[in-house]
Amino acid sequence: MLRSLLVLVICVVCASTERQRKKKANPEPSLARGWGENLEWAKSYEEGLAKMVKSGKPLMVIHHKEDCQFSQALKKVFAAEKSIQKMAEEHFVMLNTVEETWDPNMTPDWQLRSQNPLC
């Protein structure tokens, strides 16, 4: 009986340790994606709209591509500039997305001007 209890305790400890190891090895990606870790980011357009209505703040949507040199340059400045981070935190509901969308409300500005993207 004592051996069975000991084996059970060891199995529970091992399973718990394995879960913690996997959690550390595969952390959830940050919603900030490098644009400002201290900002509260909406998970989706729908969540952003709901937060916008509740807070009365406008929704700022940042469309970017990970492999775009212009997006990367803007990200560095946006994340490093304290005044930009403060303004974003105090005056906007923030959402950044790397996903393509067909929603006309989420169309990047460059698509409104031409069919040739910069990136």
N, C-alpha and C. Protein backbone atom coordinates (compact mmCIF):
# COMPACT_ATOMS: atom_id res chain seq x y z
N MET A 1 0.83 -1.19 0.00
CA MET A 1 0.00 0.00 0.00
C MET A 1 0.87 1.26 0.00
N LEU A 2 1.90 1.26 0.81
CA LEU A 2 2.81 2.39 0.89
C LEU A 2 3.54 2.59 -0.44
N ARG A 3 3.94 1.47 -1.05
CA ARG A 3 4.62 1.56 -2.36
C ARG A 3 3.70 2.16 -3.41
N SER A 4 2.45 1.75 -3.44
CA SER A 4 1.49 2.28 -4.41
C SER A 4 1.30 3.78 -4.22
N LEU A 5 1.22 4.21 -2.98
CA LEU A 5 1.06 5.62 -2.68
C LEU A 5 2.30 6.40 -3.12
N LEU A 6 3.47 5.85 -2.87
CA LEU A 6 4.73 6.49 -3.26
C LEU A 6 4.83 6.61 -4.78
N VAL A 7 4.46 5.55 -5.50
CA VAL A 7 4.49 5.57 -6.97
C VAL A 7 3.51 6.62 -7.49
N LEU A 8 2.33 6.70 -6.90
CA LEU A 8 1.34 7.68 -7.31
C LEU A 8 1.86 9.10 -7.10
N VAL A 9 2.46 9.37 -5.96
CA VAL A 9 3.02 10.70 -5.68
C VAL A 9 4.11 11.05 -6.69
N ILE A 10 4.98 10.11 -6.99
CA ILE A 10 6.05 10.35 -7.96
C ILE A 10 5.47 10.65 -9.34
N CYS A 11 4.45 9.91 -9.74
CA CYS A 11 3.81 10.16 -11.05
C CYS A 11 3.19 11.55 -11.12
N VAL A 12 2.54 11.96 -10.05
CA VAL A 12 1.91 13.29 -10.02
C VAL A 12 2.98 14.38 -10.10
N VAL A 13 4.06 14.22 -9.36
CA VAL A 13 5.14 15.21 -9.38
C VAL A 13 5.78 15.27 -10.76
N CYS A 14 6.03 14.13 -11.36
CA CYS A 14 6.63 14.09 -12.70
C CYS A 14 5.71 14.75 -13.74
N ALA A 15 4.43 14.47 -13.67
CA ALA A 15 3.48 15.06 -14.62
C ALA A 15 3.42 16.57 -14.46
N SER A 16 3.43 17.04 -13.22
CA SER A 16 3.40 18.48 -12.96
C SER A 16 4.67 19.15 -13.48
N THR A 17 5.81 18.52 -13.25
CA THR A 17 7.08 19.06 -13.73
C THR A 17 7.11 19.11 -15.26
N GLU A 18 6.60 18.07 -15.89
CA GLU A 18 6.56 18.02 -17.36
C GLU A 18 5.68 19.13 -17.92
N ARG A 19 4.54 19.39 -17.30
CA ARG A 19 3.65 20.47 -17.74
C ARG A 19 4.33 21.82 -17.62
N GLN A 20 5.03 22.05 -16.51
CA GLN A 20 5.74 23.32 -16.32
C GLN A 20 6.86 23.48 -17.33
N ARG A 21 7.56 22.39 -17.64
CA ARG A 21 8.65 22.45 -18.62
C ARG A 21 8.10 22.78 -20.01
N LYS A 22 7.00 22.17 -20.40
CA LYS A 22 6.39 22.44 -21.70
C LYS A 22 5.88 23.88 -21.76
N LYS A 23 5.34 24.38 -20.67
CA LYS A 23 4.83 25.74 -20.62
C LYS A 23 5.96 26.74 -20.84
N LYS A 24 7.11 26.50 -20.23
CA LYS A 24 8.26 27.37 -20.39
C LYS A 24 8.85 27.25 -21.79
N ALA A 25 8.84 26.06 -22.36
CA ALA A 25 9.42 25.83 -23.68
C ALA A 25 8.58 26.44 -24.79
N ASN A 26 7.27 26.49 -24.64
CA ASN A 26 6.37 27.02 -25.66
C ASN A 26 5.48 28.12 -25.09
N PRO A 27 6.07 29.27 -24.72
CA PRO A 27 5.22 30.32 -24.17
C PRO A 27 4.31 30.89 -25.26
N GLU A 28 3.16 31.40 -24.85
CA GLU A 28 2.25 32.01 -25.80
C GLU A 28 2.92 33.26 -26.37
N PRO A 29 2.79 33.47 -27.67
CA PRO A 29 3.39 34.68 -28.24
C PRO A 29 2.70 35.93 -27.70
N SER A 30 3.46 36.96 -27.54
CA SER A 30 2.93 38.21 -27.02
C SER A 30 2.06 38.89 -28.07
N LEU A 31 0.96 39.45 -27.63
CA LEU A 31 0.11 40.21 -28.54
C LEU A 31 0.80 41.49 -29.00
N ALA A 32 1.80 41.94 -28.27
CA ALA A 32 2.52 43.16 -28.62
C ALA A 32 3.35 42.98 -29.88
N ARG A 33 3.88 41.79 -30.09
CA ARG A 33 4.72 41.48 -31.26
C ARG A 33 5.86 42.48 -31.42
N GLY A 34 6.34 43.02 -30.29
CA GLY A 34 7.46 43.95 -30.32
C GLY A 34 7.07 45.41 -30.43
N TRP A 35 5.80 45.72 -30.45
CA TRP A 35 5.33 47.09 -30.62
C TRP A 35 5.16 47.83 -29.29
N GLY A 36 5.33 47.16 -28.18
CA GLY A 36 5.17 47.80 -26.87
C GLY A 36 4.63 46.80 -25.87
N GLU A 37 5.51 46.17 -25.15
CA GLU A 37 5.12 45.10 -24.22
C GLU A 37 4.29 45.62 -23.06
N ASN A 38 4.40 46.90 -22.74
CA ASN A 38 3.66 47.45 -21.60
C ASN A 38 2.25 47.91 -21.96
N LEU A 39 1.93 47.88 -23.25
CA LEU A 39 0.59 48.28 -23.69
C LEU A 39 -0.37 47.11 -23.59
N GLU A 40 -1.64 47.43 -23.40
CA GLU A 40 -2.67 46.40 -23.42
C GLU A 40 -3.16 46.27 -24.86
N TRP A 41 -3.00 45.09 -25.44
CA TRP A 41 -3.35 44.85 -26.83
C TRP A 41 -4.61 44.02 -26.94
N ALA A 42 -5.49 44.40 -27.84
CA ALA A 42 -6.69 43.61 -28.12
C ALA A 42 -6.26 42.35 -28.88
N LYS A 43 -6.96 41.26 -28.64
CA LYS A 43 -6.63 39.99 -29.29
C LYS A 43 -7.19 39.91 -30.70
N SER A 44 -8.26 40.65 -30.97
CA SER A 44 -8.91 40.57 -32.28
C SER A 44 -9.60 41.89 -32.56
N TYR A 45 -10.02 42.06 -33.80
CA TYR A 45 -10.75 43.26 -34.21
C TYR A 45 -12.03 43.38 -33.41
N GLU A 46 -12.73 42.27 -33.23
CA GLU A 46 -13.98 42.28 -32.49
C GLU A 46 -13.76 42.70 -31.04
N GLU A 47 -12.70 42.17 -30.42
CA GLU A 47 -12.40 42.55 -29.04
C GLU A 47 -12.01 44.03 -28.98
N GLY A 48 -11.25 44.49 -29.96
CA GLY A 48 -10.88 45.90 -30.02
C GLY A 48 -12.09 46.81 -30.11
N LEU A 49 -13.05 46.41 -30.95
CA LEU A 49 -14.28 47.21 -31.07
C LEU A 49 -15.05 47.26 -29.75
N ALA A 50 -15.12 46.11 -29.08
CA ALA A 50 -15.83 46.07 -27.79
C ALA A 50 -15.13 46.96 -26.76
N LYS A 51 -13.81 46.92 -26.72
CA LYS A 51 -13.06 47.77 -25.78
C LYS A 51 -13.21 49.24 -26.15
N MET A 52 -13.27 49.52 -27.45
CA MET A 52 -13.43 50.89 -27.92
C MET A 52 -14.76 51.46 -27.43
N VAL A 53 -15.84 50.69 -27.58
CA VAL A 53 -17.16 51.14 -27.15
C VAL A 53 -17.19 51.34 -25.63
N LYS A 54 -16.62 50.40 -24.92
CA LYS A 54 -16.63 50.47 -23.45
C LYS A 54 -15.81 51.64 -22.92
N SER A 55 -14.64 51.88 -23.52
CA SER A 55 -13.74 52.91 -23.01
C SER A 55 -13.99 54.30 -23.60
N GLY A 56 -14.61 54.35 -24.78
CA GLY A 56 -14.80 55.64 -25.45
C GLY A 56 -13.55 56.11 -26.19
N LYS A 57 -12.53 55.27 -26.23
CA LYS A 57 -11.28 55.60 -26.94
C LYS A 57 -11.35 55.06 -28.36
N PRO A 58 -10.69 55.74 -29.31
CA PRO A 58 -10.65 55.20 -30.67
C PRO A 58 -9.75 53.96 -30.75
N LEU A 59 -10.01 53.13 -31.73
CA LEU A 59 -9.23 51.92 -31.95
C LEU A 59 -8.11 52.23 -32.94
N MET A 60 -6.88 51.96 -32.53
CA MET A 60 -5.75 52.11 -33.44
C MET A 60 -5.34 50.71 -33.89
N VAL A 61 -5.44 50.47 -35.19
CA VAL A 61 -5.07 49.19 -35.76
C VAL A 61 -3.74 49.37 -36.49
N ILE A 62 -2.75 48.59 -36.11
CA ILE A 62 -1.45 48.62 -36.76
C ILE A 62 -1.34 47.38 -37.63
N HIS A 63 -1.38 47.58 -38.94
CA HIS A 63 -1.17 46.48 -39.89
C HIS A 63 0.32 46.43 -40.19
N HIS A 64 0.89 45.27 -40.09
CA HIS A 64 2.32 45.15 -40.40
C HIS A 64 2.62 43.77 -40.90
N LYS A 65 3.79 43.65 -41.50
CA LYS A 65 4.28 42.36 -41.96
C LYS A 65 5.65 42.14 -41.33
N GLU A 66 5.89 40.94 -40.88
CA GLU A 66 7.15 40.63 -40.21
C GLU A 66 8.36 40.78 -41.13
N ASP A 67 8.17 40.55 -42.43
CA ASP A 67 9.29 40.61 -43.36
C ASP A 67 9.38 41.93 -44.12
N CYS A 68 8.68 42.95 -43.66
CA CYS A 68 8.67 44.25 -44.33
C CYS A 68 9.65 45.20 -43.64
N GLN A 69 10.59 45.73 -44.39
CA GLN A 69 11.59 46.63 -43.80
C GLN A 69 10.96 47.90 -43.23
N PHE A 70 9.91 48.39 -43.85
CA PHE A 70 9.25 49.60 -43.37
C PHE A 70 8.49 49.34 -42.07
N SER A 71 7.84 48.18 -42.00
CA SER A 71 7.14 47.80 -40.77
C SER A 71 8.14 47.65 -39.62
N GLN A 72 9.26 47.02 -39.90
CA GLN A 72 10.27 46.81 -38.87
C GLN A 72 10.86 48.13 -38.38
N ALA A 73 11.09 49.06 -39.30
CA ALA A 73 11.62 50.37 -38.92
C ALA A 73 10.61 51.12 -38.05
N LEU A 74 9.34 51.10 -38.45
CA LEU A 74 8.31 51.77 -37.66
C LEU A 74 8.17 51.12 -36.29
N LYS A 75 8.24 49.80 -36.23
CA LYS A 75 8.12 49.09 -34.96
C LYS A 75 9.21 49.53 -33.98
N LYS A 76 10.45 49.66 -34.46
CA LYS A 76 11.55 50.08 -33.59
C LYS A 76 11.28 51.45 -32.97
N VAL A 77 10.86 52.39 -33.80
CA VAL A 77 10.59 53.75 -33.32
C VAL A 77 9.39 53.74 -32.38
N PHE A 78 8.32 53.07 -32.77
CA PHE A 78 7.09 53.01 -31.98
C PHE A 78 7.37 52.43 -30.60
N ALA A 79 8.13 51.36 -30.53
CA ALA A 79 8.40 50.69 -29.25
C ALA A 79 9.40 51.46 -28.39
N ALA A 80 10.32 52.18 -29.02
CA ALA A 80 11.37 52.86 -28.26
C ALA A 80 10.96 54.24 -27.76
N GLU A 81 10.05 54.89 -28.44
CA GLU A 81 9.69 56.27 -28.10
C GLU A 81 8.66 56.29 -26.96
N LYS A 82 9.09 56.77 -25.82
CA LYS A 82 8.23 56.78 -24.62
C LYS A 82 6.98 57.63 -24.81
N SER A 83 7.08 58.73 -25.53
CA SER A 83 5.91 59.59 -25.72
C SER A 83 4.86 58.89 -26.58
N ILE A 84 5.30 58.11 -27.55
CA ILE A 84 4.36 57.36 -28.39
C ILE A 84 3.69 56.27 -27.56
N GLN A 85 4.47 55.56 -26.75
CA GLN A 85 3.92 54.51 -25.91
C GLN A 85 2.91 55.08 -24.92
N LYS A 86 3.22 56.25 -24.34
CA LYS A 86 2.32 56.88 -23.38
C LYS A 86 1.02 57.31 -24.06
N MET A 87 1.13 57.91 -25.25
CA MET A 87 -0.05 58.33 -25.99
C MET A 87 -0.91 57.12 -26.35
N ALA A 88 -0.29 56.06 -26.80
CA ALA A 88 -1.03 54.84 -27.17
C ALA A 88 -1.76 54.27 -25.96
N GLU A 89 -1.08 54.24 -24.83
CA GLU A 89 -1.67 53.69 -23.61
C GLU A 89 -2.84 54.53 -23.10
N GLU A 90 -2.70 55.83 -23.15
CA GLU A 90 -3.70 56.72 -22.55
C GLU A 90 -4.88 57.04 -23.47
N HIS A 91 -4.64 57.04 -24.78
CA HIS A 91 -5.66 57.58 -25.69
C HIS A 91 -6.24 56.61 -26.70
N PHE A 92 -5.75 55.38 -26.75
CA PHE A 92 -6.22 54.46 -27.77
C PHE A 92 -6.44 53.06 -27.23
N VAL A 93 -7.32 52.34 -27.87
CA VAL A 93 -7.40 50.89 -27.74
C VAL A 93 -6.50 50.36 -28.84
N MET A 94 -5.57 49.49 -28.51
CA MET A 94 -4.53 49.10 -29.46
C MET A 94 -4.75 47.68 -29.99
N LEU A 95 -4.55 47.53 -31.29
CA LEU A 95 -4.60 46.23 -31.96
C LEU A 95 -3.53 46.22 -33.03
N ASN A 96 -2.70 45.19 -33.05
CA ASN A 96 -1.79 45.04 -34.18
C ASN A 96 -2.02 43.68 -34.79
N THR A 97 -1.90 43.65 -36.09
CA THR A 97 -2.21 42.42 -36.79
C THR A 97 -1.24 42.20 -37.94
N VAL A 98 -0.89 40.95 -38.15
CA VAL A 98 -0.08 40.57 -39.30
C VAL A 98 -0.91 39.73 -40.26
N GLU A 99 -2.19 39.58 -39.94
CA GLU A 99 -3.08 38.75 -40.74
C GLU A 99 -3.65 39.53 -41.91
N GLU A 100 -3.83 38.84 -43.02
CA GLU A 100 -4.53 39.43 -44.15
C GLU A 100 -6.02 39.45 -43.81
N THR A 101 -6.72 40.44 -44.30
CA THR A 101 -8.14 40.54 -44.02
C THR A 101 -8.89 41.02 -45.25
N TRP A 102 -10.11 40.59 -45.35
CA TRP A 102 -10.98 41.04 -46.44
C TRP A 102 -12.03 42.00 -45.91
N ASP A 103 -12.00 42.28 -44.61
CA ASP A 103 -12.94 43.21 -44.01
C ASP A 103 -12.60 44.62 -44.47
N PRO A 104 -13.52 45.32 -45.15
CA PRO A 104 -13.20 46.67 -45.65
C PRO A 104 -12.88 47.66 -44.53
N ASN A 105 -13.34 47.39 -43.31
CA ASN A 105 -13.02 48.27 -42.19
C ASN A 105 -11.59 48.08 -41.71
N MET A 106 -10.96 47.00 -42.12
CA MET A 106 -9.60 46.69 -41.69
C MET A 106 -8.60 46.82 -42.84
N THR A 107 -8.99 47.44 -43.94
CA THR A 107 -8.12 47.56 -45.10
C THR A 107 -6.97 48.52 -44.79
N PRO A 108 -5.73 48.08 -45.00
CA PRO A 108 -4.59 48.98 -44.79
C PRO A 108 -4.69 50.20 -45.71
N ASP A 109 -4.16 51.31 -45.26
CA ASP A 109 -4.24 52.57 -46.01
C ASP A 109 -3.70 52.43 -47.43
N TRP A 110 -2.59 51.70 -47.60
CA TRP A 110 -2.00 51.62 -48.94
C TRP A 110 -2.93 50.94 -49.93
N GLN A 111 -3.82 50.07 -49.48
CA GLN A 111 -4.75 49.42 -50.39
C GLN A 111 -5.81 50.40 -50.88
N LEU A 112 -6.06 51.44 -50.11
CA LEU A 112 -7.02 52.45 -50.52
C LEU A 112 -6.43 53.34 -51.61
N ARG A 113 -5.10 53.52 -51.61
CA ARG A 113 -4.44 54.41 -52.57
C ARG A 113 -4.05 53.71 -53.86
N SER A 114 -3.65 52.46 -53.78
CA SER A 114 -3.21 51.75 -54.98
C SER A 114 -3.28 50.24 -54.72
N GLN A 115 -3.04 49.50 -55.74
CA GLN A 115 -3.01 48.05 -55.60
C GLN A 115 -1.58 47.53 -55.44
N ASN A 116 -0.60 48.41 -55.37
CA ASN A 116 0.81 48.02 -55.23
C ASN A 116 1.29 48.29 -53.81
N PRO A 117 1.41 47.26 -53.00
CA PRO A 117 1.88 47.48 -51.62
C PRO A 117 3.35 47.84 -51.58
N LEU A 118 3.72 48.52 -50.52
CA LEU A 118 5.13 48.87 -50.32
C LEU A 118 5.95 47.64 -49.96
N CYS A 119 5.34 46.69 -49.27
CA CYS A 119 6.06 45.49 -48.83
C CYS A 119 5.50 44.26 -49.51
